C-alpha atoms as a PDB file:
ATOM      1  CA  UNK A   1       0.030   0.000   0.022  1.00  0.00           C
ATOM      2  CA  UNK A   2       1.538   3.381  -1.027  1.00  0.00           C
ATOM      3  CA  UNK A   3       2.057   5.920   1.663  1.00  0.00           C
ATOM      4  CA  UNK A   4       3.609   9.322   2.218  1.00  0.00           C
ATOM      5  CA  UNK A   5       6.168  10.201   4.937  1.00  0.00           C
ATOM      6  CA  UNK A   6       8.337  13.130   5.613  1.00  0.00           C
ATOM      7  CA  UNK A   7      10.834  15.037   7.775  1.00  0.00           C
ATOM      8  CA  UNK A   8      10.972  18.479   9.364  1.00  0.00           C
ATOM      9  CA  UNK A   9      13.715  20.712   8.102  1.00  0.00           C
ATOM     10  CA  UNK A  10      15.160  23.331  10.417  1.00  0.00           C
ATOM     11  CA  UNK A  11      12.679  22.810  13.159  1.00  0.00           C
ATOM     12  CA  UNK A  12      14.929  21.567  16.156  1.00  0.00           C
ATOM     13  CA  UNK A  13      16.796  18.702  14.685  1.00  0.00           C
ATOM     14  CA  UNK A  14      20.479  18.661  13.729  1.00  0.00           C
ATOM     15  CA  UNK A  15      21.691  18.111  10.270  1.00  0.00           C
ATOM     16  CA  UNK A  16      23.024  14.631  11.382  1.00  0.00           C
ATOM     17  CA  UNK A  17      19.597  13.718  12.798  1.00  0.00           C
ATOM     18  CA  UNK A  18      17.927  14.820   9.545  1.00  0.00           C
ATOM     19  CA  UNK A  19      20.359  12.712   7.521  1.00  0.00           C
ATOM     20  CA  UNK A  20      19.689   9.702   9.830  1.00  0.00           C
ATOM     21  CA  UNK A  21      15.919  10.120   9.135  1.00  0.00           C
ATOM     22  CA  UNK A  22      16.413  10.311   5.406  1.00  0.00           C
ATOM     23  CA  UNK A  23      18.585   7.096   5.424  1.00  0.00           C
ATOM     24  CA  UNK A  24      15.985   5.338   7.672  1.00  0.00           C
ATOM     25  CA  UNK A  25      13.237   6.256   5.122  1.00  0.00           C
ATOM     26  CA  UNK A  26      15.400   4.919   2.309  1.00  0.00           C
ATOM     27  CA  UNK A  27      16.057   1.671   4.135  1.00  0.00           C
ATOM     28  CA  UNK A  28      12.309   1.123   4.791  1.00  0.00           C
ATOM     29  CA  UNK A  29      11.539   1.878   1.130  1.00  0.00           C
ATOM     30  CA  UNK A  30      14.168  -0.638  -0.015  1.00  0.00           C
ATOM     31  CA  UNK A  31      13.119  -3.286   2.430  1.00  0.00           C
ATOM     32  CA  UNK A  32       9.347  -3.002   2.331  1.00  0.00           C
ATOM     33  CA  UNK A  33       8.466  -0.696  -0.509  1.00  0.00           C
ATOM     34  CA  UNK A  34       5.296   1.253  -0.435  1.00  0.00           C
ATOM     35  CA  UNK A  35       6.737   4.808   0.035  1.00  0.00           C
ATOM     36  CA  UNK A  36       5.258   6.908  -2.762  1.00  0.00           C
ATOM     37  CA  UNK A  37       6.658  10.279  -1.668  1.00  0.00           C
ATOM     38  CA  UNK A  38       8.696  11.950   1.036  1.00  0.00           C
ATOM     39  CA  UNK A  39       7.719  15.551   2.079  1.00  0.00           C
ATOM     40  CA  UNK A  40      10.232  17.928   3.608  1.00  0.00           C
ATOM     41  CA  UNK A  41       8.381  20.445   5.822  1.00  0.00           C
ATOM     42  CA  UNK A  42      10.212  23.691   6.541  1.00  0.00           C
ATOM     43  CA  UNK A  43       7.993  25.639   8.802  1.00  0.00           C
ATOM     44  CA  UNK A  44       5.509  25.173  11.638  1.00  0.00           C
ATOM     45  CA  UNK A  45       1.772  25.500  10.834  1.00  0.00           C
ATOM     46  CA  UNK A  46      -0.191  28.395  12.180  1.00  0.00           C
ATOM     47  CA  UNK A  47      -1.986  26.317  14.887  1.00  0.00           C
ATOM     48  CA  UNK A  48       1.075  24.509  16.325  1.00  0.00           C
ATOM     49  CA  UNK A  49       3.704  25.367  18.892  1.00  0.00           C
ATOM     50  CA  UNK A  50       6.272  25.815  16.111  1.00  0.00           C
ATOM     51  CA  UNK A  51       4.223  28.636  14.467  1.00  0.00           C
ATOM     52  CA  UNK A  52       6.802  31.353  15.548  1.00  0.00           C
ATOM     53  CA  UNK A  53       9.871  29.536  14.358  1.00  0.00           C
ATOM     54  CA  UNK A  54      11.283  31.008  11.135  1.00  0.00           C
ATOM     55  CA  UNK A  55      11.462  28.902   7.948  1.00  0.00           C
ATOM     56  CA  UNK A  56      14.659  26.937   7.310  1.00  0.00           C
ATOM     57  CA  UNK A  57      17.544  28.775   5.753  1.00  0.00           C
ATOM     58  CA  UNK A  58      18.566  28.008   2.149  1.00  0.00           C
ATOM     59  CA  UNK A  59      21.692  26.283   3.132  1.00  0.00           C
ATOM     60  CA  UNK A  60      19.652  23.884   5.393  1.00  0.00           C
ATOM     61  CA  UNK A  61      17.449  22.999   2.443  1.00  0.00           C
ATOM     62  CA  UNK A  62      20.411  22.646   0.080  1.00  0.00           C
ATOM     63  CA  UNK A  63      22.182  20.396   2.566  1.00  0.00           C
ATOM     64  CA  UNK A  64      19.111  18.153   2.936  1.00  0.00           C
ATOM     65  CA  UNK A  65      18.632  17.850  -0.826  1.00  0.00           C
ATOM     66  CA  UNK A  66      22.344  16.918  -1.130  1.00  0.00           C
ATOM     67  CA  UNK A  67      21.890  14.029   1.210  1.00  0.00           C
ATOM     68  CA  UNK A  68      18.963  12.684  -0.722  1.00  0.00           C
ATOM     69  CA  UNK A  69      20.730  12.669  -4.109  1.00  0.00           C
END
């Protein structure tokens, strides 16, 4: 069954933790299949505790994309 998963970018995690999450998602996809897309969220929604946290910086986004390549 296809499903969507994702990570939070720049909202409290370190770059190493983010990379670990990406590699864990890749391992699950390889072992079990079913992941149809991975979403990278860069800001807190208006109705959450993270609503006041600024969006991730461009270098954070670029580093995350580089890990996924």
